[in-house]
C-alpha atoms as a PDB file:
ATOM      1  CA  UNK A   1      13.172  47.384  78.410  1.00  0.00           C
ATOM      2  CA  UNK A   2      15.370  49.940  76.492  1.00  0.00           C
ATOM      3  CA  UNK A   3      18.661  48.248  77.160  1.00  0.00           C
ATOM      4  CA  UNK A   4      17.113  44.806  75.851  1.00  0.00           C
ATOM      5  CA  UNK A   5      15.789  46.494  72.968  1.00  0.00           C
ATOM      6  CA  UNK A   6      19.107  47.832  72.033  1.00  0.00           C
ATOM      7  CA  UNK A   7      20.678  44.420  72.473  1.00  0.00           C
ATOM      8  CA  UNK A   8      18.079  43.084  70.050  1.00  0.00           C
ATOM      9  CA  UNK A   9      18.908  45.609  67.698  1.00  0.00           C
ATOM     10  CA  UNK A  10      22.551  45.003  67.772  1.00  0.00           C
ATOM     11  CA  UNK A  11      22.104  41.428  67.578  1.00  0.00           C
ATOM     12  CA  UNK A  12      19.955  41.719  64.216  1.00  0.00           C
ATOM     13  CA  UNK A  13      22.593  44.190  62.855  1.00  0.00           C
ATOM     14  CA  UNK A  14      25.422  41.752  63.813  1.00  0.00           C
ATOM     15  CA  UNK A  15      23.658  38.975  62.094  1.00  0.00           C
ATOM     16  CA  UNK A  16      22.990  41.192  58.914  1.00  0.00           C
ATOM     17  CA  UNK A  17      26.594  42.186  59.026  1.00  0.00           C
ATOM     18  CA  UNK A  18      27.837  38.613  59.219  1.00  0.00           C
ATOM     19  CA  UNK A  19      25.594  37.575  56.211  1.00  0.00           C
ATOM     20  CA  UNK A  20      26.857  40.382  54.101  1.00  0.00           C
ATOM     21  CA  UNK A  21      30.547  39.605  55.131  1.00  0.00           C
ATOM     22  CA  UNK A  22      29.646  35.878  54.167  1.00  0.00           C
ATOM     23  CA  UNK A  23      28.256  36.874  50.720  1.00  0.00           C
ATOM     24  CA  UNK A  24      31.113  39.257  50.102  1.00  0.00           C
ATOM     25  CA  UNK A  25      33.909  36.646  50.875  1.00  0.00           C
ATOM     26  CA  UNK A  26      32.608  33.528  49.501  1.00  0.00           C
ATOM     27  CA  UNK A  27      30.879  34.550  46.173  1.00  0.00           C
ATOM     28  CA  UNK A  28      33.156  32.552  44.183  1.00  0.00           C
ATOM     29  CA  UNK A  29      33.314  29.356  46.200  1.00  0.00           C
ATOM     30  CA  UNK A  30      34.818  26.382  44.839  1.00  0.00           C
ATOM     31  CA  UNK A  31      33.039  22.951  46.031  1.00  0.00           C
ATOM     32  CA  UNK A  32      34.760  19.906  45.417  1.00  0.00           C
ATOM     33  CA  UNK A  33      34.028  18.006  42.639  1.00  0.00           C
ATOM     34  CA  UNK A  34      35.968  14.954  43.553  1.00  0.00           C
ATOM     35  CA  UNK A  35      33.937  11.994  43.766  1.00  0.00           C
ATOM     36  CA  UNK A  36      33.695   9.773  47.123  1.00  0.00           C
ATOM     37  CA  UNK A  37      35.182   6.207  46.861  1.00  0.00           C
ATOM     38  CA  UNK A  38      32.686   3.435  46.844  1.00  0.00           C
ATOM     39  CA  UNK A  39      33.147   2.181  50.042  1.00  0.00           C
ATOM     40  CA  UNK A  40      30.366  -0.690  49.881  1.00  0.00           C
ATOM     41  CA  UNK A  41      31.983  -4.176  49.662  1.00  0.00           C
ATOM     42  CA  UNK A  42      28.729  -5.972  48.270  1.00  0.00           C
ATOM     43  CA  UNK A  43      27.636  -5.738  44.830  1.00  0.00           C
ATOM     44  CA  UNK A  44      24.286  -4.160  43.804  1.00  0.00           C
ATOM     45  CA  UNK A  45      24.053  -3.745  39.965  1.00  0.00           C
ATOM     46  CA  UNK A  46      23.246  -0.298  38.529  1.00  0.00           C
ATOM     47  CA  UNK A  47      19.797  -0.248  36.848  1.00  0.00           C
ATOM     48  CA  UNK A  48      19.729   0.212  33.471  1.00  0.00           C
ATOM     49  CA  UNK A  49      16.502   1.843  32.153  1.00  0.00           C
ATOM     50  CA  UNK A  50      14.738   0.339  28.959  1.00  0.00           C
ATOM     51  CA  UNK A  51      13.800   3.634  27.820  1.00  0.00           C
ATOM     52  CA  UNK A  52      16.093   6.529  26.264  1.00  0.00           C
ATOM     53  CA  UNK A  53      13.914   9.652  26.072  1.00  0.00           C
ATOM     54  CA  UNK A  54      16.579  11.777  24.035  1.00  0.00           C
ATOM     55  CA  UNK A  55      17.606   8.659  21.759  1.00  0.00           C
ATOM     56  CA  UNK A  56      21.414   9.520  22.493  1.00  0.00           C
ATOM     57  CA  UNK A  57      22.013   5.674  22.864  1.00  0.00           C
ATOM     58  CA  UNK A  58      22.237   6.141  26.505  1.00  0.00           C
ATOM     59  CA  UNK A  59      19.380   5.052  28.971  1.00  0.00           C
ATOM     60  CA  UNK A  60      17.411   7.484  31.039  1.00  0.00           C
ATOM     61  CA  UNK A  61      18.791   6.342  34.511  1.00  0.00           C
ATOM     62  CA  UNK A  62      22.241   6.627  33.529  1.00  0.00           C
ATOM     63  CA  UNK A  63      21.537   9.708  31.544  1.00  0.00           C
ATOM     64  CA  UNK A  64      20.268  11.607  34.609  1.00  0.00           C
ATOM     65  CA  UNK A  65      22.958  10.270  36.638  1.00  0.00           C
ATOM     66  CA  UNK A  66      25.685  11.358  34.195  1.00  0.00           C
ATOM     67  CA  UNK A  67      23.692  14.677  33.586  1.00  0.00           C
ATOM     68  CA  UNK A  68      24.044  15.466  37.489  1.00  0.00           C
ATOM     69  CA  UNK A  69      27.600  14.781  37.452  1.00  0.00           C
ATOM     70  CA  UNK A  70      28.370  16.760  34.425  1.00  0.00           C
ATOM     71  CA  UNK A  71      26.484  19.799  36.061  1.00  0.00           C
ATOM     72  CA  UNK A  72      28.383  19.542  39.280  1.00  0.00           C
ATOM     73  CA  UNK A  73      31.592  19.355  37.296  1.00  0.00           C
ATOM     74  CA  UNK A  74      31.274  22.840  36.279  1.00  0.00           C
ATOM     75  CA  UNK A  75      31.490  23.771  40.126  1.00  0.00           C
ATOM     76  CA  UNK A  76      28.310  26.038  40.032  1.00  0.00           C
ATOM     77  CA  UNK A  77      28.501  28.749  42.602  1.00  0.00           C
ATOM     78  CA  UNK A  78      25.531  28.683  45.143  1.00  0.00           C
ATOM     79  CA  UNK A  79      23.065  31.645  44.821  1.00  0.00           C
ATOM     80  CA  UNK A  80      19.474  31.899  43.942  1.00  0.00           C
ATOM     81  CA  UNK A  81      18.635  34.227  40.985  1.00  0.00           C
ATOM     82  CA  UNK A  82      15.924  34.680  38.421  1.00  0.00           C
ATOM     83  CA  UNK A  83      16.747  33.910  34.816  1.00  0.00           C
ATOM     84  CA  UNK A  84      14.260  34.797  32.191  1.00  0.00           C
ATOM     85  CA  UNK A  85      15.074  31.710  30.356  1.00  0.00           C
ATOM     86  CA  UNK A  86      14.527  29.630  33.273  1.00  0.00           C
ATOM     87  CA  UNK A  87      17.976  27.776  33.149  1.00  0.00           C
ATOM     88  CA  UNK A  88      21.036  29.396  34.882  1.00  0.00           C
ATOM     89  CA  UNK A  89      23.736  30.290  32.366  1.00  0.00           C
ATOM     90  CA  UNK A  90      26.145  32.250  34.518  1.00  0.00           C
ATOM     91  CA  UNK A  91      27.764  29.680  36.704  1.00  0.00           C
ATOM     92  CA  UNK A  92      25.314  30.168  39.591  1.00  0.00           C
ATOM     93  CA  UNK A  93      22.722  27.769  40.672  1.00  0.00           C
ATOM     94  CA  UNK A  94      20.666  26.061  43.727  1.00  0.00           C
ATOM     95  CA  UNK A  95      19.761  22.400  44.516  1.00  0.00           C
ATOM     96  CA  UNK A  96      17.127  22.227  41.953  1.00  0.00           C
ATOM     97  CA  UNK A  97      19.446  22.899  39.140  1.00  0.00           C
ATOM     98  CA  UNK A  98      21.070  19.566  39.796  1.00  0.00           C
ATOM     99  CA  UNK A  99      17.868  17.862  39.272  1.00  0.00           C
ATOM    100  CA  UNK A 100      16.818  20.235  36.317  1.00  0.00           C
ATOM    101  CA  UNK A 101      20.204  19.793  34.256  1.00  0.00           C
ATOM    102  CA  UNK A 102      20.344  16.244  34.847  1.00  0.00           C
ATOM    103  CA  UNK A 103      17.081  15.587  33.594  1.00  0.00           C
ATOM    104  CA  UNK A 104      17.255  17.950  30.610  1.00  0.00           C
ATOM    105  CA  UNK A 105      20.207  15.874  29.912  1.00  0.00           C
ATOM    106  CA  UNK A 106      18.277  13.001  29.563  1.00  0.00           C
ATOM    107  CA  UNK A 107      15.750  14.502  27.302  1.00  0.00           C
ATOM    108  CA  UNK A 108      13.159  15.645  30.182  1.00  0.00           C
ATOM    109  CA  UNK A 109      12.883  19.547  30.067  1.00  0.00           C
ATOM    110  CA  UNK A 110      11.660  20.078  33.505  1.00  0.00           C
ATOM    111  CA  UNK A 111      10.547  23.619  32.888  1.00  0.00           C
ATOM    112  CA  UNK A 112       8.410  22.373  29.976  1.00  0.00           C
ATOM    113  CA  UNK A 113       6.820  19.419  32.144  1.00  0.00           C
ATOM    114  CA  UNK A 114       6.519  21.525  35.339  1.00  0.00           C
ATOM    115  CA  UNK A 115       4.674  24.287  33.667  1.00  0.00           C
ATOM    116  CA  UNK A 116       2.453  21.874  31.518  1.00  0.00           C
ATOM    117  CA  UNK A 117       1.482  19.944  34.792  1.00  0.00           C
ATOM    118  CA  UNK A 118       0.813  23.138  36.704  1.00  0.00           C
ATOM    119  CA  UNK A 119      -1.862  24.224  33.914  1.00  0.00           C
ATOM    120  CA  UNK A 120      -3.228  20.758  34.004  1.00  0.00           C
ATOM    121  CA  UNK A 121      -3.593  20.548  37.934  1.00  0.00           C
ATOM    122  CA  UNK A 122      -3.295  24.326  39.519  1.00  0.00           C
ATOM    123  CA  UNK A 123      -4.999  23.170  42.734  1.00  0.00           C
ATOM    124  CA  UNK A 124      -2.411  20.657  43.374  1.00  0.00           C
ATOM    125  CA  UNK A 125       0.342  23.208  43.061  1.00  0.00           C
ATOM    126  CA  UNK A 126      -1.835  26.118  44.964  1.00  0.00           C
ATOM    127  CA  UNK A 127       0.015  28.843  42.808  1.00  0.00           C
ATOM    128  CA  UNK A 128      -1.699  32.169  42.048  1.00  0.00           C
ATOM    129  CA  UNK A 129       0.497  33.327  39.189  1.00  0.00           C
ATOM    130  CA  UNK A 130       2.514  30.585  37.264  1.00  0.00           C
ATOM    131  CA  UNK A 131       6.086  31.582  36.144  1.00  0.00           C
ATOM    132  CA  UNK A 132       7.506  29.134  33.818  1.00  0.00           C
ATOM    133  CA  UNK A 133      10.972  30.353  34.207  1.00  0.00           C
ATOM    134  CA  UNK A 134      11.149  29.823  38.045  1.00  0.00           C
ATOM    135  CA  UNK A 135       8.424  27.373  38.709  1.00  0.00           C
ATOM    136  CA  UNK A 136      10.408  24.232  37.973  1.00  0.00           C
ATOM    137  CA  UNK A 137      13.110  25.605  40.104  1.00  0.00           C
ATOM    138  CA  UNK A 138      11.200  25.679  43.413  1.00  0.00           C
ATOM    139  CA  UNK A 139      11.418  22.469  45.667  1.00  0.00           C
ATOM    140  CA  UNK A 140       7.961  22.806  46.821  1.00  0.00           C
ATOM    141  CA  UNK A 141       6.809  22.359  43.140  1.00  0.00           C
ATOM    142  CA  UNK A 142       8.888  19.549  42.677  1.00  0.00           C
ATOM    143  CA  UNK A 143       7.631  17.901  45.778  1.00  0.00           C
ATOM    144  CA  UNK A 144       4.363  18.101  43.849  1.00  0.00           C
ATOM    145  CA  UNK A 145       5.435  17.459  40.206  1.00  0.00           C
ATOM    146  CA  UNK A 146       7.672  14.121  40.784  1.00  0.00           C
ATOM    147  CA  UNK A 147       4.787  11.938  42.659  1.00  0.00           C
ATOM    148  CA  UNK A 148       2.417  12.973  40.017  1.00  0.00           C
ATOM    149  CA  UNK A 149       4.869  12.420  37.071  1.00  0.00           C
ATOM    150  CA  UNK A 150       7.427   9.676  38.430  1.00  0.00           C
ATOM    151  CA  UNK A 151       7.783   6.297  39.819  1.00  0.00           C
ATOM    152  CA  UNK A 152       7.653   6.546  43.502  1.00  0.00           C
ATOM    153  CA  UNK A 153       9.945   4.497  45.365  1.00  0.00           C
ATOM    154  CA  UNK A 154      10.563   3.436  49.040  1.00  0.00           C
ATOM    155  CA  UNK A 155      12.177   6.064  51.454  1.00  0.00           C
ATOM    156  CA  UNK A 156      13.729   2.854  53.480  1.00  0.00           C
ATOM    157  CA  UNK A 157      17.158   3.242  53.638  1.00  0.00           C
ATOM    158  CA  UNK A 158      17.537  -0.188  54.666  1.00  0.00           C
ATOM    159  CA  UNK A 159      16.224  -1.519  51.084  1.00  0.00           C
ATOM    160  CA  UNK A 160      19.874  -0.356  49.684  1.00  0.00           C
ATOM    161  CA  UNK A 161      18.901  -2.406  46.406  1.00  0.00           C
ATOM    162  CA  UNK A 162      15.998  -0.159  45.786  1.00  0.00           C
ATOM    163  CA  UNK A 163      18.056   3.096  45.765  1.00  0.00           C
ATOM    164  CA  UNK A 164      19.777   3.469  42.406  1.00  0.00           C
ATOM    165  CA  UNK A 165      21.949   6.050  40.770  1.00  0.00           C
ATOM    166  CA  UNK A 166      19.951   8.527  38.917  1.00  0.00           C
ATOM    167  CA  UNK A 167      16.727   8.264  41.095  1.00  0.00           C
ATOM    168  CA  UNK A 168      15.734  11.535  42.577  1.00  0.00           C
ATOM    169  CA  UNK A 169      15.681  12.239  46.541  1.00  0.00           C
ATOM    170  CA  UNK A 170      13.437  14.870  47.832  1.00  0.00           C
ATOM    171  CA  UNK A 171      13.632  16.555  51.481  1.00  0.00           C
ATOM    172  CA  UNK A 172      11.619  19.008  52.947  1.00  0.00           C
ATOM    173  CA  UNK A 173      13.396  21.911  51.366  1.00  0.00           C
ATOM    174  CA  UNK A 174      16.062  20.486  49.424  1.00  0.00           C
ATOM    175  CA  UNK A 175      16.510  17.952  46.338  1.00  0.00           C
ATOM    176  CA  UNK A 176      19.196  15.900  44.712  1.00  0.00           C
ATOM    177  CA  UNK A 177      20.218  13.048  42.272  1.00  0.00           C
ATOM    178  CA  UNK A 178      21.023   9.403  43.920  1.00  0.00           C
ATOM    179  CA  UNK A 179      24.813   8.731  43.110  1.00  0.00           C
ATOM    180  CA  UNK A 180      25.756   5.398  41.981  1.00  0.00           C
ATOM    181  CA  UNK A 181      28.598   5.152  44.698  1.00  0.00           C
ATOM    182  CA  UNK A 182      27.772   4.122  48.349  1.00  0.00           C
ATOM    183  CA  UNK A 183      29.022   4.239  51.855  1.00  0.00           C
ATOM    184  CA  UNK A 184      30.075   1.071  53.517  1.00  0.00           C
ATOM    185  CA  UNK A 185      26.521   0.188  54.538  1.00  0.00           C
ATOM    186  CA  UNK A 186      25.447   0.371  51.008  1.00  0.00           C
ATOM    187  CA  UNK A 187      23.422   3.602  51.312  1.00  0.00           C
ATOM    188  CA  UNK A 188      24.040   5.784  48.276  1.00  0.00           C
ATOM    189  CA  UNK A 189      25.677   9.089  48.319  1.00  0.00           C
ATOM    190  CA  UNK A 190      23.719  12.223  47.188  1.00  0.00           C
ATOM    191  CA  UNK A 191      24.893  14.599  44.246  1.00  0.00           C
ATOM    192  CA  UNK A 192      23.356  17.744  45.219  1.00  0.00           C
ATOM    193  CA  UNK A 193      24.111  21.844  45.759  1.00  0.00           C
ATOM    194  CA  UNK A 194      23.167  22.703  49.479  1.00  0.00           C
ATOM    195  CA  UNK A 195      25.113  26.185  49.988  1.00  0.00           C
ATOM    196  CA  UNK A 196      28.014  28.122  49.896  1.00  0.00           C
ATOM    197  CA  UNK A 197      29.880  26.338  52.831  1.00  0.00           C
ATOM    198  CA  UNK A 198      29.344  22.796  51.216  1.00  0.00           C
ATOM    199  CA  UNK A 199      32.688  20.993  50.687  1.00  0.00           C
ATOM    200  CA  UNK A 200      31.667  18.675  48.009  1.00  0.00           C
ATOM    201  CA  UNK A 201      28.767  18.112  45.688  1.00  0.00           C
ATOM    202  CA  UNK A 202      28.732  14.187  46.143  1.00  0.00           C
ATOM    203  CA  UNK A 203      27.912  13.272  50.026  1.00  0.00           C
ATOM    204  CA  UNK A 204      27.091  10.921  52.344  1.00  0.00           C
ATOM    205  CA  UNK A 205      23.731  12.716  53.645  1.00  0.00           C
ATOM    206  CA  UNK A 206      20.985  10.167  53.458  1.00  0.00           C
ATOM    207  CA  UNK A 207      21.416   8.522  56.810  1.00  0.00           C
ATOM    208  CA  UNK A 208      22.411  12.181  58.602  1.00  0.00           C
ATOM    209  CA  UNK A 209      19.042  13.986  57.404  1.00  0.00           C
ATOM    210  CA  UNK A 210      15.847  13.452  59.171  1.00  0.00           C
ATOM    211  CA  UNK A 211      13.739  15.348  56.591  1.00  0.00           C
ATOM    212  CA  UNK A 212      13.386  12.589  53.850  1.00  0.00           C
ATOM    213  CA  UNK A 213      10.028  13.161  51.938  1.00  0.00           C
ATOM    214  CA  UNK A 214      10.304  11.310  48.706  1.00  0.00           C
ATOM    215  CA  UNK A 215      12.225   9.048  46.281  1.00  0.00           C
ATOM    216  CA  UNK A 216      11.440   9.017  42.583  1.00  0.00           C
ATOM    217  CA  UNK A 217      12.589   7.641  39.395  1.00  0.00           C
ATOM    218  CA  UNK A 218      11.801   9.186  35.950  1.00  0.00           C
ATOM    219  CA  UNK A 219      10.194   8.846  33.696  1.00  0.00           C
END
């Protein structure tokens, strides 16, 4: 038993050391911003929203798509940090920031919107102590927010026409923005930020994940 206990402690220490080494070696990881080629031979017209929330002359659907691409073009480094002002301002971020910055660029301030929705329906969020600076950056809260405040769309990947660039896609513990580029089967790529070892911000992941829980469209 003593030997087993020592082995367990050694393994825990080894894992902890590995995590420390990884965080030390990869604090400035540079995930590629290169966009994958559109491999789909068919034609699916990109949806154009009739609305323009921020009045910039670009429709909301396109604005969210462009906002996501603009955010990842800054090559944010993956790390979860707390910011008093809510939005990261130091080049770091997580998956929710792709969506938050994309929506903000289109005129939808998720920090304000999620804060207001939590106040309006606290039982839906099950938050004991709301914190506007972080609540909108948690996937579990966005899993509640989007079904309540956006159009709920299909999760069926075979309905490729129903998946449009600028849509929001939610997984069990991850979130991203649907790309306007597609694989050879017409399934769109996802613009997302999933960790320090991620090779590119825009990837063909929808068909390979088994934890898809939601597909939404603003407003």
